[in-house]
N, C-alpha and C. Protein backbone atom coordinates (compact mmCIF):
# COMPACT_ATOMS: atom_id res chain seq x y z
N ARG A 1 -146.09 -83.06 -85.51
CA ARG A 1 -145.72 -82.78 -86.87
C ARG A 1 -144.89 -83.90 -87.46
N ALA A 2 -144.06 -84.52 -86.64
CA ALA A 2 -143.22 -85.62 -87.14
C ALA A 2 -144.08 -86.82 -87.54
N ILE A 3 -145.08 -87.11 -86.73
CA ILE A 3 -145.98 -88.22 -87.06
C ILE A 3 -146.77 -87.90 -88.33
N GLY A 4 -147.18 -86.66 -88.50
CA GLY A 4 -147.88 -86.25 -89.72
C GLY A 4 -147.00 -86.40 -90.94
N THR A 5 -145.71 -86.10 -90.80
CA THR A 5 -144.78 -86.26 -91.91
C THR A 5 -144.63 -87.73 -92.29
N VAL A 6 -144.52 -88.59 -91.30
CA VAL A 6 -144.38 -90.03 -91.57
C VAL A 6 -145.67 -90.57 -92.21
N VAL A 7 -146.81 -90.18 -91.68
CA VAL A 7 -148.09 -90.63 -92.23
C VAL A 7 -148.26 -90.15 -93.67
N GLY A 8 -147.91 -88.91 -93.94
CA GLY A 8 -148.00 -88.38 -95.30
C GLY A 8 -147.05 -89.09 -96.25
N GLY A 9 -145.85 -89.40 -95.78
CA GLY A 9 -144.90 -90.13 -96.62
C GLY A 9 -145.37 -91.53 -96.94
N VAL A 10 -145.88 -92.21 -95.95
CA VAL A 10 -146.40 -93.57 -96.17
C VAL A 10 -147.62 -93.53 -97.09
N LEU A 11 -148.52 -92.59 -96.87
CA LEU A 11 -149.70 -92.45 -97.73
C LEU A 11 -149.28 -92.14 -99.16
N GLY A 12 -148.29 -91.27 -99.33
CA GLY A 12 -147.80 -90.95 -100.66
C GLY A 12 -147.21 -92.16 -101.36
N LEU A 13 -146.46 -92.97 -100.63
CA LEU A 13 -145.87 -94.17 -101.22
C LEU A 13 -146.94 -95.20 -101.59
N VAL A 14 -147.94 -95.34 -100.73
CA VAL A 14 -149.02 -96.29 -101.02
C VAL A 14 -149.81 -95.84 -102.26
N VAL A 15 -150.12 -94.56 -102.33
CA VAL A 15 -150.85 -94.04 -103.48
C VAL A 15 -150.02 -94.18 -104.75
N TRP A 16 -148.74 -93.91 -104.67
CA TRP A 16 -147.89 -94.05 -105.84
C TRP A 16 -147.84 -95.50 -106.30
N TYR A 17 -147.75 -96.43 -105.36
CA TYR A 17 -147.70 -97.84 -105.72
C TYR A 17 -149.01 -98.31 -106.34
N ILE A 18 -150.13 -97.87 -105.78
CA ILE A 18 -151.43 -98.25 -106.33
C ILE A 18 -151.63 -97.63 -107.71
N GLY A 19 -151.29 -96.36 -107.86
CA GLY A 19 -151.53 -95.67 -109.12
C GLY A 19 -150.57 -96.02 -110.22
N SER A 20 -149.32 -96.31 -109.87
CA SER A 20 -148.32 -96.55 -110.90
C SER A 20 -147.73 -97.95 -110.83
N GLY A 21 -147.62 -98.50 -109.65
CA GLY A 21 -147.11 -99.86 -109.50
C GLY A 21 -145.73 -100.03 -110.09
N HIS A 22 -145.65 -100.84 -111.12
CA HIS A 22 -144.37 -101.12 -111.77
C HIS A 22 -144.27 -100.28 -113.04
N GLY A 23 -143.18 -99.57 -113.19
CA GLY A 23 -143.00 -98.77 -114.40
C GLY A 23 -143.64 -97.40 -114.29
N LYS A 24 -143.97 -96.85 -115.43
CA LYS A 24 -144.50 -95.49 -115.47
C LYS A 24 -145.95 -95.42 -115.01
N GLY A 25 -146.70 -96.48 -115.23
CA GLY A 25 -148.08 -96.50 -114.76
C GLY A 25 -149.02 -95.68 -115.63
N ASN A 26 -150.20 -95.49 -115.12
CA ASN A 26 -151.25 -94.78 -115.84
C ASN A 26 -151.56 -93.49 -115.09
N PRO A 27 -151.39 -92.33 -115.73
CA PRO A 27 -151.68 -91.07 -115.02
C PRO A 27 -153.13 -90.94 -114.59
N TYR A 28 -154.05 -91.56 -115.32
CA TYR A 28 -155.47 -91.49 -114.93
C TYR A 28 -155.72 -92.32 -113.67
N GLY A 29 -155.07 -93.47 -113.58
CA GLY A 29 -155.19 -94.28 -112.38
C GLY A 29 -154.59 -93.57 -111.17
N LEU A 30 -153.47 -92.89 -111.37
CA LEU A 30 -152.85 -92.13 -110.30
C LEU A 30 -153.75 -90.98 -109.86
N ALA A 31 -154.38 -90.31 -110.81
CA ALA A 31 -155.29 -89.21 -110.46
C ALA A 31 -156.51 -89.73 -109.70
N ALA A 32 -157.00 -90.91 -110.08
CA ALA A 32 -158.18 -91.47 -109.40
C ALA A 32 -157.86 -91.83 -107.96
N ILE A 33 -156.74 -92.47 -107.72
CA ILE A 33 -156.39 -92.85 -106.35
C ILE A 33 -156.00 -91.62 -105.52
N MET A 34 -155.44 -90.58 -106.18
CA MET A 34 -155.13 -89.35 -105.46
C MET A 34 -156.40 -88.66 -104.97
N ALA A 35 -157.47 -88.75 -105.76
CA ALA A 35 -158.75 -88.15 -105.34
C ALA A 35 -159.27 -88.82 -104.08
N VAL A 36 -159.11 -90.13 -104.00
CA VAL A 36 -159.56 -90.86 -102.81
C VAL A 36 -158.73 -90.44 -101.59
N ALA A 37 -157.41 -90.38 -101.76
CA ALA A 37 -156.54 -90.01 -100.64
C ALA A 37 -156.74 -88.56 -100.22
N LEU A 38 -156.95 -87.67 -101.19
CA LEU A 38 -157.20 -86.27 -100.84
C LEU A 38 -158.52 -86.11 -100.09
N THR A 39 -159.50 -86.93 -100.42
CA THR A 39 -160.77 -86.90 -99.68
C THR A 39 -160.55 -87.29 -98.23
N ILE A 40 -159.73 -88.30 -98.01
CA ILE A 40 -159.42 -88.73 -96.64
C ILE A 40 -158.68 -87.63 -95.89
N LEU A 41 -157.71 -87.00 -96.54
CA LEU A 41 -156.95 -85.93 -95.89
C LEU A 41 -157.84 -84.71 -95.59
N MET A 42 -158.74 -84.37 -96.51
CA MET A 42 -159.64 -83.25 -96.26
C MET A 42 -160.61 -83.56 -95.13
N TRP A 43 -161.09 -84.80 -95.06
CA TRP A 43 -161.96 -85.20 -93.95
C TRP A 43 -161.21 -85.03 -92.63
N ALA A 44 -159.96 -85.50 -92.60
CA ALA A 44 -159.16 -85.38 -91.38
C ALA A 44 -158.93 -83.92 -91.01
N ARG A 45 -158.71 -83.08 -92.00
CA ARG A 45 -158.46 -81.66 -91.74
C ARG A 45 -159.70 -80.97 -91.17
N ILE A 46 -160.87 -81.35 -91.65
CA ILE A 46 -162.09 -80.67 -91.23
C ILE A 46 -162.63 -81.21 -89.91
N PHE A 47 -162.59 -82.54 -89.70
CA PHE A 47 -163.31 -83.13 -88.58
C PHE A 47 -162.45 -83.58 -87.41
N THR A 48 -161.14 -83.55 -87.50
CA THR A 48 -160.34 -83.94 -86.34
C THR A 48 -160.18 -82.77 -85.38
N SER A 49 -159.63 -83.08 -84.25
CA SER A 49 -159.43 -82.07 -83.21
C SER A 49 -158.42 -81.02 -83.67
N PRO A 50 -158.58 -79.78 -83.22
CA PRO A 50 -157.61 -78.75 -83.58
C PRO A 50 -156.18 -79.07 -83.12
N ALA A 51 -156.03 -79.97 -82.17
CA ALA A 51 -154.70 -80.37 -81.72
C ALA A 51 -153.93 -81.09 -82.82
N PHE A 52 -154.65 -81.69 -83.77
CA PHE A 52 -154.02 -82.42 -84.86
C PHE A 52 -153.89 -81.58 -86.13
N LEU A 53 -154.13 -80.28 -86.04
CA LEU A 53 -154.11 -79.43 -87.22
C LEU A 53 -152.75 -79.44 -87.91
N GLN A 54 -151.67 -79.22 -87.17
CA GLN A 54 -150.34 -79.19 -87.77
C GLN A 54 -149.96 -80.53 -88.37
N ALA A 55 -150.29 -81.61 -87.68
CA ALA A 55 -149.96 -82.94 -88.19
C ALA A 55 -150.72 -83.24 -89.47
N THR A 56 -151.98 -82.84 -89.54
CA THR A 56 -152.77 -83.08 -90.73
C THR A 56 -152.25 -82.29 -91.92
N ILE A 57 -151.88 -81.05 -91.69
CA ILE A 57 -151.33 -80.22 -92.76
C ILE A 57 -149.98 -80.77 -93.23
N MET A 58 -149.14 -81.20 -92.32
CA MET A 58 -147.86 -81.80 -92.69
C MET A 58 -148.04 -83.09 -93.46
N ALA A 59 -149.04 -83.89 -93.08
CA ALA A 59 -149.31 -85.14 -93.80
C ALA A 59 -149.73 -84.83 -95.23
N GLY A 60 -150.60 -83.86 -95.41
CA GLY A 60 -151.04 -83.50 -96.76
C GLY A 60 -149.92 -82.95 -97.62
N ALA A 61 -149.09 -82.09 -97.04
CA ALA A 61 -147.97 -81.53 -97.80
C ALA A 61 -146.96 -82.59 -98.19
N THR A 62 -146.63 -83.46 -97.26
CA THR A 62 -145.67 -84.53 -97.55
C THR A 62 -146.23 -85.49 -98.58
N TYR A 63 -147.51 -85.79 -98.48
CA TYR A 63 -148.18 -86.68 -99.43
C TYR A 63 -148.05 -86.12 -100.86
N ILE A 64 -148.37 -84.85 -101.03
CA ILE A 64 -148.30 -84.23 -102.35
C ILE A 64 -146.86 -84.19 -102.86
N LEU A 65 -145.91 -83.90 -101.99
CA LEU A 65 -144.51 -83.86 -102.41
C LEU A 65 -144.00 -85.22 -102.85
N VAL A 66 -144.36 -86.27 -102.13
CA VAL A 66 -143.91 -87.63 -102.49
C VAL A 66 -144.49 -88.06 -103.83
N VAL A 67 -145.79 -87.88 -104.00
CA VAL A 67 -146.43 -88.30 -105.25
C VAL A 67 -145.96 -87.43 -106.41
N GLY A 68 -145.84 -86.15 -106.20
CA GLY A 68 -145.38 -85.27 -107.27
C GLY A 68 -143.97 -85.55 -107.72
N TYR A 69 -143.07 -85.74 -106.76
CA TYR A 69 -141.69 -86.05 -107.12
C TYR A 69 -141.58 -87.42 -107.79
N SER A 70 -142.33 -88.38 -107.31
CA SER A 70 -142.29 -89.71 -107.91
C SER A 70 -142.82 -89.68 -109.34
N PHE A 71 -143.87 -88.89 -109.59
CA PHE A 71 -144.42 -88.79 -110.94
C PHE A 71 -143.42 -88.09 -111.87
N GLU A 72 -142.80 -87.05 -111.37
CA GLU A 72 -141.84 -86.29 -112.20
C GLU A 72 -140.57 -87.09 -112.46
N ASP A 73 -140.18 -87.92 -111.51
CA ASP A 73 -138.93 -88.66 -111.62
C ASP A 73 -139.01 -89.83 -112.62
N THR A 74 -140.21 -90.32 -112.88
CA THR A 74 -140.32 -91.48 -113.79
C THR A 74 -140.52 -91.09 -115.21
């Protein structure tokens, strides 16, 4: 679960940087890159081993929290 949290945090920061970069950014660009990252997370949730279930769910939750808070904070 700890590794999933770190992976989700890093993924959230990367997506935020790509979607918004410097300043407020473009909400449409952020939505587009979020769709790509959510596709990757859903693929991991469906096709990885059940041993990674908790880590995958934690990564997705942390990812959404990081991007959501970053969008609300700017």
